[in-house]
Amino acid sequence: YFKNYLLDTVNIGKVIKELNKTPLEEVRLI
């Protein structure tokens, strides 16, 4: 129910958009 992203290369704007506009329940930054 979540997606993983590497913190060093994440596009934070994309992550925020995904959380706001999709059924995704959480994002994990590693």
PDB file of all heavy atoms in Angstrom:
ATOM      1  N   TYR A   1       0.827  -1.214   0.000  1.00  0.00           N
ATOM      2  CA  TYR A   1       0.000   0.000   0.000  1.00  0.00           C
ATOM      3  C   TYR A   1       0.865   1.269   0.000  1.00  0.00           C
ATOM      4  O   TYR A   1       0.364   2.371   0.159  1.00  0.00           O
ATOM      5  CB  TYR A   1      -0.915   0.004   1.236  1.00  0.00           C
ATOM      6  CG  TYR A   1      -0.135  -0.108   2.527  1.00  0.00           C
ATOM      7  CD1 TYR A   1       0.330   1.032   3.189  1.00  0.00           C
ATOM      8  CD2 TYR A   1       0.189  -1.358   3.063  1.00  0.00           C
ATOM      9  CE1 TYR A   1       1.071   0.932   4.354  1.00  0.00           C
ATOM     10  CE2 TYR A   1       0.928  -1.470   4.229  1.00  0.00           C
ATOM     11  CZ  TYR A   1       1.360  -0.314   4.869  1.00  0.00           C
ATOM     12  OH  TYR A   1       2.104  -0.415   6.008  1.00  0.00           O
ATOM     13  N   PHE A   2       2.169   1.098  -0.174  1.00  0.00           N
ATOM     14  CA  PHE A   2       3.110   2.224  -0.139  1.00  0.00           C
ATOM     15  C   PHE A   2       4.130   2.077  -1.254  1.00  0.00           C
ATOM     16  O   PHE A   2       4.227   1.036  -1.902  1.00  0.00           O
ATOM     17  CB  PHE A   2       3.818   2.284   1.221  1.00  0.00           C
ATOM     18  CG  PHE A   2       4.666   1.073   1.525  1.00  0.00           C
ATOM     19  CD1 PHE A   2       6.007   1.032   1.165  1.00  0.00           C
ATOM     20  CD2 PHE A   2       4.122  -0.035   2.158  1.00  0.00           C
ATOM     21  CE1 PHE A   2       6.783  -0.080   1.422  1.00  0.00           C
ATOM     22  CE2 PHE A   2       4.888  -1.159   2.427  1.00  0.00           C
ATOM     23  CZ  PHE A   2       6.224  -1.184   2.055  1.00  0.00           C
ATOM     24  N   LYS A   3       4.902   3.156  -1.462  1.00  0.00           N
ATOM     25  CA  LYS A   3       6.004   3.122  -2.424  1.00  0.00           C
ATOM     26  C   LYS A   3       7.293   3.481  -1.707  1.00  0.00           C
ATOM     27  O   LYS A   3       7.297   4.322  -0.795  1.00  0.00           O
ATOM     28  CB  LYS A   3       5.768   4.138  -3.546  1.00  0.00           C
ATOM     29  CG  LYS A   3       4.950   3.604  -4.684  1.00  0.00           C
ATOM     30  CD  LYS A   3       5.033   4.576  -5.856  1.00  0.00           C
ATOM     31  CE  LYS A   3       4.355   4.005  -7.075  1.00  0.00           C
ATOM     32  NZ  LYS A   3       4.375   4.952  -8.178  1.00  0.00           N
ATOM     33  N   ASN A   4       8.395   2.872  -2.160  1.00  0.00           N
ATOM     34  CA  ASN A   4       9.730   3.186  -1.651  1.00  0.00           C
ATOM     35  C   ASN A   4      10.435   4.141  -2.605  1.00  0.00           C
ATOM     36  O   ASN A   4      10.322   3.990  -3.821  1.00  0.00           O
ATOM     37  CB  ASN A   4      10.594   1.912  -1.571  1.00  0.00           C
ATOM     38  CG  ASN A   4      10.137   0.965  -0.493  1.00  0.00           C
ATOM     39  OD1 ASN A   4       9.879   1.361   0.629  1.00  0.00           O
ATOM     40  ND2 ASN A   4      10.036  -0.315  -0.838  1.00  0.00           N
ATOM     41  N   TYR A   5      11.165   5.088  -2.060  1.00  0.00           N
ATOM     42  CA  TYR A   5      12.043   5.973  -2.837  1.00  0.00           C
ATOM     43  C   TYR A   5      13.343   6.136  -2.074  1.00  0.00           C
ATOM     44  O   TYR A   5      13.357   6.096  -0.836  1.00  0.00           O
ATOM     45  CB  TYR A   5      11.428   7.363  -3.021  1.00  0.00           C
ATOM     46  CG  TYR A   5      10.211   7.398  -3.911  1.00  0.00           C
ATOM     47  CD1 TYR A   5       8.932   7.386  -3.366  1.00  0.00           C
ATOM     48  CD2 TYR A   5      10.345   7.465  -5.298  1.00  0.00           C
ATOM     49  CE1 TYR A   5       7.815   7.425  -4.180  1.00  0.00           C
ATOM     50  CE2 TYR A   5       9.226   7.505  -6.115  1.00  0.00           C
ATOM     51  CZ  TYR A   5       7.964   7.488  -5.550  1.00  0.00           C
ATOM     52  OH  TYR A   5       6.862   7.529  -6.364  1.00  0.00           O
ATOM     53  N   LEU A   6      14.426   6.339  -2.810  1.00  0.00           N
ATOM     54  CA  LEU A   6      15.707   6.647  -2.156  1.00  0.00           C
ATOM     55  C   LEU A   6      15.718   8.133  -1.830  1.00  0.00           C
ATOM     56  O   LEU A   6      15.457   8.972  -2.699  1.00  0.00           O
ATOM     57  CB  LEU A   6      16.872   6.289  -3.075  1.00  0.00           C
ATOM     58  CG  LEU A   6      17.027   4.804  -3.391  1.00  0.00           C
ATOM     59  CD1 LEU A   6      18.172   4.585  -4.382  1.00  0.00           C
ATOM     60  CD2 LEU A   6      17.244   3.983  -2.123  1.00  0.00           C
ATOM     61  N   LEU A   7      16.016   8.444  -0.591  1.00  0.00           N
ATOM     62  CA  LEU A   7      16.015   9.832  -0.133  1.00  0.00           C
ATOM     63  C   LEU A   7      16.981  10.697  -0.939  1.00  0.00           C
ATOM     64  O   LEU A   7      16.682  11.839  -1.258  1.00  0.00           O
ATOM     65  CB  LEU A   7      16.340   9.890   1.368  1.00  0.00           C
ATOM     66  CG  LEU A   7      16.373  11.261   2.022  1.00  0.00           C
ATOM     67  CD1 LEU A   7      15.088  12.038   1.793  1.00  0.00           C
ATOM     68  CD2 LEU A   7      16.645  11.129   3.508  1.00  0.00           C
ATOM     69  N   ASP A   8      18.134  10.138  -1.304  1.00  0.00           N
ATOM     70  CA  ASP A   8      19.149  10.921  -2.019  1.00  0.00           C
ATOM     71  C   ASP A   8      18.693  11.402  -3.398  1.00  0.00           C
ATOM     72  O   ASP A   8      19.188  12.405  -3.894  1.00  0.00           O
ATOM     73  CB  ASP A   8      20.449  10.107  -2.179  1.00  0.00           C
ATOM     74  CG  ASP A   8      21.218  10.005  -0.864  1.00  0.00           C
ATOM     75  OD1 ASP A   8      21.026  10.872   0.014  1.00  0.00           O
ATOM     76  OD2 ASP A   8      21.997   9.053  -0.721  1.00  0.00           O
ATOM     77  N   THR A   9      17.766  10.680  -4.023  1.00  0.00           N
ATOM     78  CA  THR A   9      17.387  11.022  -5.401  1.00  0.00           C
ATOM     79  C   THR A   9      15.907  11.339  -5.561  1.00  0.00           C
ATOM     80  O   THR A   9      15.427  11.514  -6.679  1.00  0.00           O
ATOM     81  CB  THR A   9      17.740   9.849  -6.345  1.00  0.00           C
ATOM     82  OG1 THR A   9      17.056   8.676  -5.884  1.00  0.00           O
ATOM     83  CG2 THR A   9      19.233   9.613  -6.394  1.00  0.00           C
ATOM     84  N   VAL A  10      15.170  11.429  -4.461  1.00  0.00           N
ATOM     85  CA  VAL A  10      13.722  11.605  -4.545  1.00  0.00           C
ATOM     86  C   VAL A  10      13.337  12.987  -5.087  1.00  0.00           C
ATOM     87  O   VAL A  10      14.013  13.985  -4.830  1.00  0.00           O
ATOM     88  CB  VAL A  10      13.070  11.374  -3.158  1.00  0.00           C
ATOM     89  CG1 VAL A  10      13.379  12.526  -2.200  1.00  0.00           C
ATOM     90  CG2 VAL A  10      11.576  11.174  -3.300  1.00  0.00           C
ATOM     91  N   ASN A  11      12.262  13.011  -5.856  1.00  0.00           N
ATOM     92  CA  ASN A  11      11.636  14.257  -6.284  1.00  0.00           C
ATOM     93  C   ASN A  11      10.482  14.493  -5.307  1.00  0.00           C
ATOM     94  O   ASN A  11       9.424  13.884  -5.426  1.00  0.00           O
ATOM     95  CB  ASN A  11      11.130  14.127  -7.724  1.00  0.00           C
ATOM     96  CG  ASN A  11      10.366  15.356  -8.184  1.00  0.00           C
ATOM     97  OD1 ASN A  11       9.820  16.126  -7.397  1.00  0.00           O
ATOM     98  ND2 ASN A  11      10.320  15.538  -9.491  1.00  0.00           N
ATOM     99  N   ILE A  12      10.696  15.362  -4.325  1.00  0.00           N
ATOM    100  CA  ILE A  12       9.726  15.533  -3.238  1.00  0.00           C
ATOM    101  C   ILE A  12       8.386  16.060  -3.764  1.00  0.00           C
ATOM    102  O   ILE A  12       7.320  15.686  -3.278  1.00  0.00           O
ATOM    103  CB  ILE A  12      10.291  16.397  -2.087  1.00  0.00           C
ATOM    104  CG1 ILE A  12       9.445  16.230  -0.814  1.00  0.00           C
ATOM    105  CG2 ILE A  12      10.395  17.851  -2.475  1.00  0.00           C
ATOM    106  CD1 ILE A  12       9.497  14.863  -0.207  1.00  0.00           C
ATOM    107  N   GLY A  13       8.419  16.884  -4.805  1.00  0.00           N
ATOM    108  CA  GLY A  13       7.179  17.393  -5.411  1.00  0.00           C
ATOM    109  C   GLY A  13       6.330  16.257  -5.964  1.00  0.00           C
ATOM    110  O   GLY A  13       5.108  16.242  -5.810  1.00  0.00           O
ATOM    111  N   LYS A  14       6.987  15.293  -6.597  1.00  0.00           N
ATOM    112  CA  LYS A  14       6.286  14.126  -7.161  1.00  0.00           C
ATOM    113  C   LYS A  14       5.665  13.285  -6.044  1.00  0.00           C
ATOM    114  O   LYS A  14       4.531  12.804  -6.157  1.00  0.00           O
ATOM    115  CB  LYS A  14       7.273  13.290  -7.986  1.00  0.00           C
ATOM    116  CG  LYS A  14       6.668  12.080  -8.642  1.00  0.00           C
ATOM    117  CD  LYS A  14       7.714  11.289  -9.415  1.00  0.00           C
ATOM    118  CE  LYS A  14       7.107   9.974  -9.901  1.00  0.00           C
ATOM    119  NZ  LYS A  14       8.071   8.991 -10.294  1.00  0.00           N
ATOM    120  N   VAL A  15       6.407  13.110  -4.966  1.00  0.00           N
ATOM    121  CA  VAL A  15       5.920  12.332  -3.820  1.00  0.00           C
ATOM    122  C   VAL A  15       4.673  12.993  -3.215  1.00  0.00           C
ATOM    123  O   VAL A  15       3.670  12.331  -2.936  1.00  0.00           O
ATOM    124  CB  VAL A  15       7.030  12.173  -2.748  1.00  0.00           C
ATOM    125  CG1 VAL A  15       6.463  11.693  -1.424  1.00  0.00           C
ATOM    126  CG2 VAL A  15       8.106  11.221  -3.245  1.00  0.00           C
ATOM    127  N   ILE A  16       4.721  14.309  -3.025  1.00  0.00           N
ATOM    128  CA  ILE A  16       3.581  15.034  -2.459  1.00  0.00           C
ATOM    129  C   ILE A  16       2.366  14.888  -3.369  1.00  0.00           C
ATOM    130  O   ILE A  16       1.251  14.620  -2.904  1.00  0.00           O
ATOM    131  CB  ILE A  16       3.943  16.519  -2.234  1.00  0.00           C
ATOM    132  CG1 ILE A  16       5.020  16.639  -1.146  1.00  0.00           C
ATOM    133  CG2 ILE A  16       2.706  17.335  -1.874  1.00  0.00           C
ATOM    134  CD1 ILE A  16       5.674  18.005  -1.058  1.00  0.00           C
ATOM    135  N   LYS A  17       2.578  15.027  -4.667  1.00  0.00           N
ATOM    136  CA  LYS A  17       1.482  14.899  -5.634  1.00  0.00           C
ATOM    137  C   LYS A  17       0.874  13.496  -5.571  1.00  0.00           C
ATOM    138  O   LYS A  17      -0.341  13.332  -5.585  1.00  0.00           O
ATOM    139  CB  LYS A  17       1.989  15.200  -7.043  1.00  0.00           C
ATOM    140  CG  LYS A  17       0.874  15.369  -8.071  1.00  0.00           C
ATOM    141  CD  LYS A  17       1.419  15.681  -9.434  1.00  0.00           C
ATOM    142  CE  LYS A  17       1.735  17.156  -9.531  1.00  0.00           C
ATOM    143  NZ  LYS A  17       2.135  17.549 -10.899  1.00  0.00           N
ATOM    144  N   GLU A  18       1.731  12.464  -5.503  1.00  0.00           N
ATOM    145  CA  GLU A  18       1.235  11.083  -5.422  1.00  0.00           C
ATOM    146  C   GLU A  18       0.384  10.872  -4.173  1.00  0.00           C
ATOM    147  O   GLU A  18      -0.669  10.244  -4.230  1.00  0.00           O
ATOM    148  CB  GLU A  18       2.409  10.096  -5.393  1.00  0.00           C
ATOM    149  CG  GLU A  18       2.904   9.707  -6.760  1.00  0.00           C
ATOM    150  CD  GLU A  18       3.853   8.528  -6.696  1.00  0.00           C
ATOM    151  OE1 GLU A  18       4.948   8.689  -6.129  1.00  0.00           O
ATOM    152  OE2 GLU A  18       3.486   7.469  -7.206  1.00  0.00           O
ATOM    153  N   LEU A  19       0.840  11.397  -3.044  1.00  0.00           N
ATOM    154  CA  LEU A  19       0.082  11.230  -1.801  1.00  0.00           C
ATOM    155  C   LEU A  19      -1.251  11.978  -1.867  1.00  0.00           C
ATOM    156  O   LEU A  19      -2.254  11.509  -1.343  1.00  0.00           O
ATOM    157  CB  LEU A  19       0.903  11.692  -0.597  1.00  0.00           C
ATOM    158  CG  LEU A  19       2.021  10.747  -0.178  1.00  0.00           C
ATOM    159  CD1 LEU A  19       2.924  11.396   0.853  1.00  0.00           C
ATOM    160  CD2 LEU A  19       1.470   9.439   0.369  1.00  0.00           C
ATOM    161  N   ASN A  20      -1.256  13.148  -2.502  1.00  0.00           N
ATOM    162  CA  ASN A  20      -2.478  13.953  -2.586  1.00  0.00           C
ATOM    163  C   ASN A  20      -3.483  13.433  -3.606  1.00  0.00           C
ATOM    164  O   ASN A  20      -4.677  13.598  -3.436  1.00  0.00           O
ATOM    165  CB  ASN A  20      -2.144  15.412  -2.918  1.00  0.00           C
ATOM    166  CG  ASN A  20      -1.622  16.165  -1.715  1.00  0.00           C
ATOM    167  OD1 ASN A  20      -1.966  15.854  -0.587  1.00  0.00           O
ATOM    168  ND2 ASN A  20      -0.794  17.158  -1.962  1.00  0.00           N
ATOM    169  N   LYS A  21      -3.003  12.821  -4.687  1.00  0.00           N
ATOM    170  CA  LYS A  21      -3.894  12.538  -5.813  1.00  0.00           C
ATOM    171  C   LYS A  21      -4.115  11.054  -6.124  1.00  0.00           C
ATOM    172  O   LYS A  21      -4.791  10.723  -7.072  1.00  0.00           O
ATOM    173  CB  LYS A  21      -3.363  13.237  -7.068  1.00  0.00           C
ATOM    174  CG  LYS A  21      -3.194  14.738  -6.914  1.00  0.00           C
ATOM    175  CD  LYS A  21      -3.446  15.445  -8.212  1.00  0.00           C
ATOM    176  CE  LYS A  21      -3.168  16.913  -8.194  1.00  0.00           C
ATOM    177  NZ  LYS A  21      -3.940  17.721  -7.322  1.00  0.00           N
ATOM    178  N   THR A  22      -3.503  10.156  -5.340  1.00  0.00           N
ATOM    179  CA  THR A  22      -3.674   8.723  -5.610  1.00  0.00           C
ATOM    180  C   THR A  22      -4.135   8.018  -4.327  1.00  0.00           C
ATOM    181  O   THR A  22      -4.053   8.590  -3.239  1.00  0.00           O
ATOM    182  CB  THR A  22      -2.350   8.069  -6.081  1.00  0.00           C
ATOM    183  OG1 THR A  22      -1.448   8.000  -4.961  1.00  0.00           O
ATOM    184  CG2 THR A  22      -1.712   8.833  -7.235  1.00  0.00           C
ATOM    185  N   PRO A  23      -4.589   6.768  -4.444  1.00  0.00           N
ATOM    186  CA  PRO A  23      -5.003   6.017  -3.250  1.00  0.00           C
ATOM    187  C   PRO A  23      -3.822   5.525  -2.394  1.00  0.00           C
ATOM    188  O   PRO A  23      -4.034   4.912  -1.347  1.00  0.00           O
ATOM    189  CB  PRO A  23      -5.778   4.816  -3.815  1.00  0.00           C
ATOM    190  CG  PRO A  23      -5.807   4.953  -5.281  1.00  0.00           C
ATOM    191  CD  PRO A  23      -4.906   6.070  -5.680  1.00  0.00           C
ATOM    192  N   LEU A  24      -2.602   5.800  -2.826  1.00  0.00           N
ATOM    193  CA  LEU A  24      -1.414   5.412  -2.065  1.00  0.00           C
ATOM    194  C   LEU A  24      -1.580   5.835  -0.601  1.00  0.00           C
ATOM    195  O   LEU A  24      -1.972   6.962  -0.330  1.00  0.00           O
ATOM    196  CB  LEU A  24      -0.206   6.124  -2.680  1.00  0.00           C
ATOM    197  CG  LEU A  24       1.179   5.575  -2.450  1.00  0.00           C
ATOM    198  CD1 LEU A  24       1.290   4.152  -2.987  1.00  0.00           C
ATOM    199  CD2 LEU A  24       2.197   6.457  -3.166  1.00  0.00           C
ATOM    200  N   GLU A  25      -1.268   4.942   0.336  1.00  0.00           N
ATOM    201  CA  GLU A  25      -1.474   5.243   1.755  1.00  0.00           C
ATOM    202  C   GLU A  25      -0.273   5.910   2.412  1.00  0.00           C
ATOM    203  O   GLU A  25      -0.410   6.649   3.383  1.00  0.00           O
ATOM    204  CB  GLU A  25      -1.842   3.976   2.517  1.00  0.00           C
ATOM    205  CG  GLU A  25      -3.217   3.449   2.135  1.00  0.00           C
ATOM    206  CD  GLU A  25      -3.574   2.182   2.877  1.00  0.00           C
ATOM    207  OE1 GLU A  25      -3.134   2.000   4.024  1.00  0.00           O
ATOM    208  OE2 GLU A  25      -4.289   1.355   2.283  1.00  0.00           O
ATOM    209  N   GLU A  26       0.926   5.616   1.907  1.00  0.00           N
ATOM    210  CA  GLU A  26       2.131   6.257   2.453  1.00  0.00           C
ATOM    211  C   GLU A  26       3.272   6.105   1.466  1.00  0.00           C
ATOM    212  O   GLU A  26       3.198   5.322   0.519  1.00  0.00           O
ATOM    213  CB  GLU A  26       2.518   5.678   3.817  1.00  0.00           C
ATOM    214  CG  GLU A  26       3.020   4.259   3.796  1.00  0.00           C
ATOM    215  CD  GLU A  26       3.286   3.705   5.203  1.00  0.00           C
ATOM    216  OE1 GLU A  26       2.427   3.811   6.086  1.00  0.00           O
ATOM    217  OE2 GLU A  26       4.384   3.151   5.382  1.00  0.00           O
ATOM    218  N   VAL A  27       4.310   6.877   1.729  1.00  0.00           N
ATOM    219  CA  VAL A  27       5.550   6.787   0.958  1.00  0.00           C
ATOM    220  C   VAL A  27       6.670   6.574   1.963  1.00  0.00           C
ATOM    221  O   VAL A  27       6.646   7.138   3.062  1.00  0.00           O
ATOM    222  CB  VAL A  27       5.785   8.073   0.130  1.00  0.00           C
ATOM    223  CG1 VAL A  27       7.212   8.155  -0.369  1.00  0.00           C
ATOM    224  CG2 VAL A  27       4.813   8.141  -1.037  1.00  0.00           C
ATOM    225  N   ARG A  28       7.643   5.760   1.589  1.00  0.00           N
ATOM    226  CA  ARG A  28       8.806   5.541   2.454  1.00  0.00           C
ATOM    227  C   ARG A  28      10.047   6.046   1.742  1.00  0.00           C
ATOM    228  O   ARG A  28      10.321   5.654   0.610  1.00  0.00           O
ATOM    229  CB  ARG A  28       8.930   4.057   2.796  1.00  0.00           C
ATOM    230  CG  ARG A  28       7.722   3.581   3.581  1.00  0.00           C
ATOM    231  CD  ARG A  28       7.841   2.169   4.032  1.00  0.00           C
ATOM    232  NE  ARG A  28       6.600   1.770   4.681  1.00  0.00           N
ATOM    233  CZ  ARG A  28       6.412   0.599   5.261  1.00  0.00           C
ATOM    234  NH1 ARG A  28       7.400  -0.288   5.279  1.00  0.00           N
ATOM    235  NH2 ARG A  28       5.271   0.306   5.819  1.00  0.00           N
ATOM    236  N   LEU A  29      10.760   6.922   2.415  1.00  0.00           N
ATOM    237  CA  LEU A  29      12.020   7.441   1.895  1.00  0.00           C
ATOM    238  C   LEU A  29      13.141   6.739   2.639  1.00  0.00           C
ATOM    239  O   LEU A  29      13.200   6.775   3.867  1.00  0.00           O
ATOM    240  CB  LEU A  29      12.107   8.955   2.081  1.00  0.00           C
ATOM    241  CG  LEU A  29      11.020   9.773   1.380  1.00  0.00           C
ATOM    242  CD1 LEU A  29      11.274  11.258   1.585  1.00  0.00           C
ATOM    243  CD2 LEU A  29      10.926   9.446  -0.095  1.00  0.00           C
ATOM    244  N   ILE A  30      14.032   6.116   1.872  1.00  0.00           N
ATOM    245  CA  ILE A  30      15.052   5.251   2.452  1.00  0.00           C
ATOM    246  C   ILE A  30      16.437   5.878   2.339  1.00  0.00           C
ATOM    247  O   ILE A  30      16.804   6.434   1.308  1.00  0.00           O
ATOM    248  CB  ILE A  30      15.026   3.871   1.757  1.00  0.00           C
ATOM    249  CG1 ILE A  30      13.720   3.165   2.111  1.00  0.00           C
ATOM    250  CG2 ILE A  30      16.183   2.992   2.190  1.00  0.00           C
ATOM    251  CD1 ILE A  30      12.895   2.808   0.971  1.00  0.00           C
TER     252      ILE A  30
END
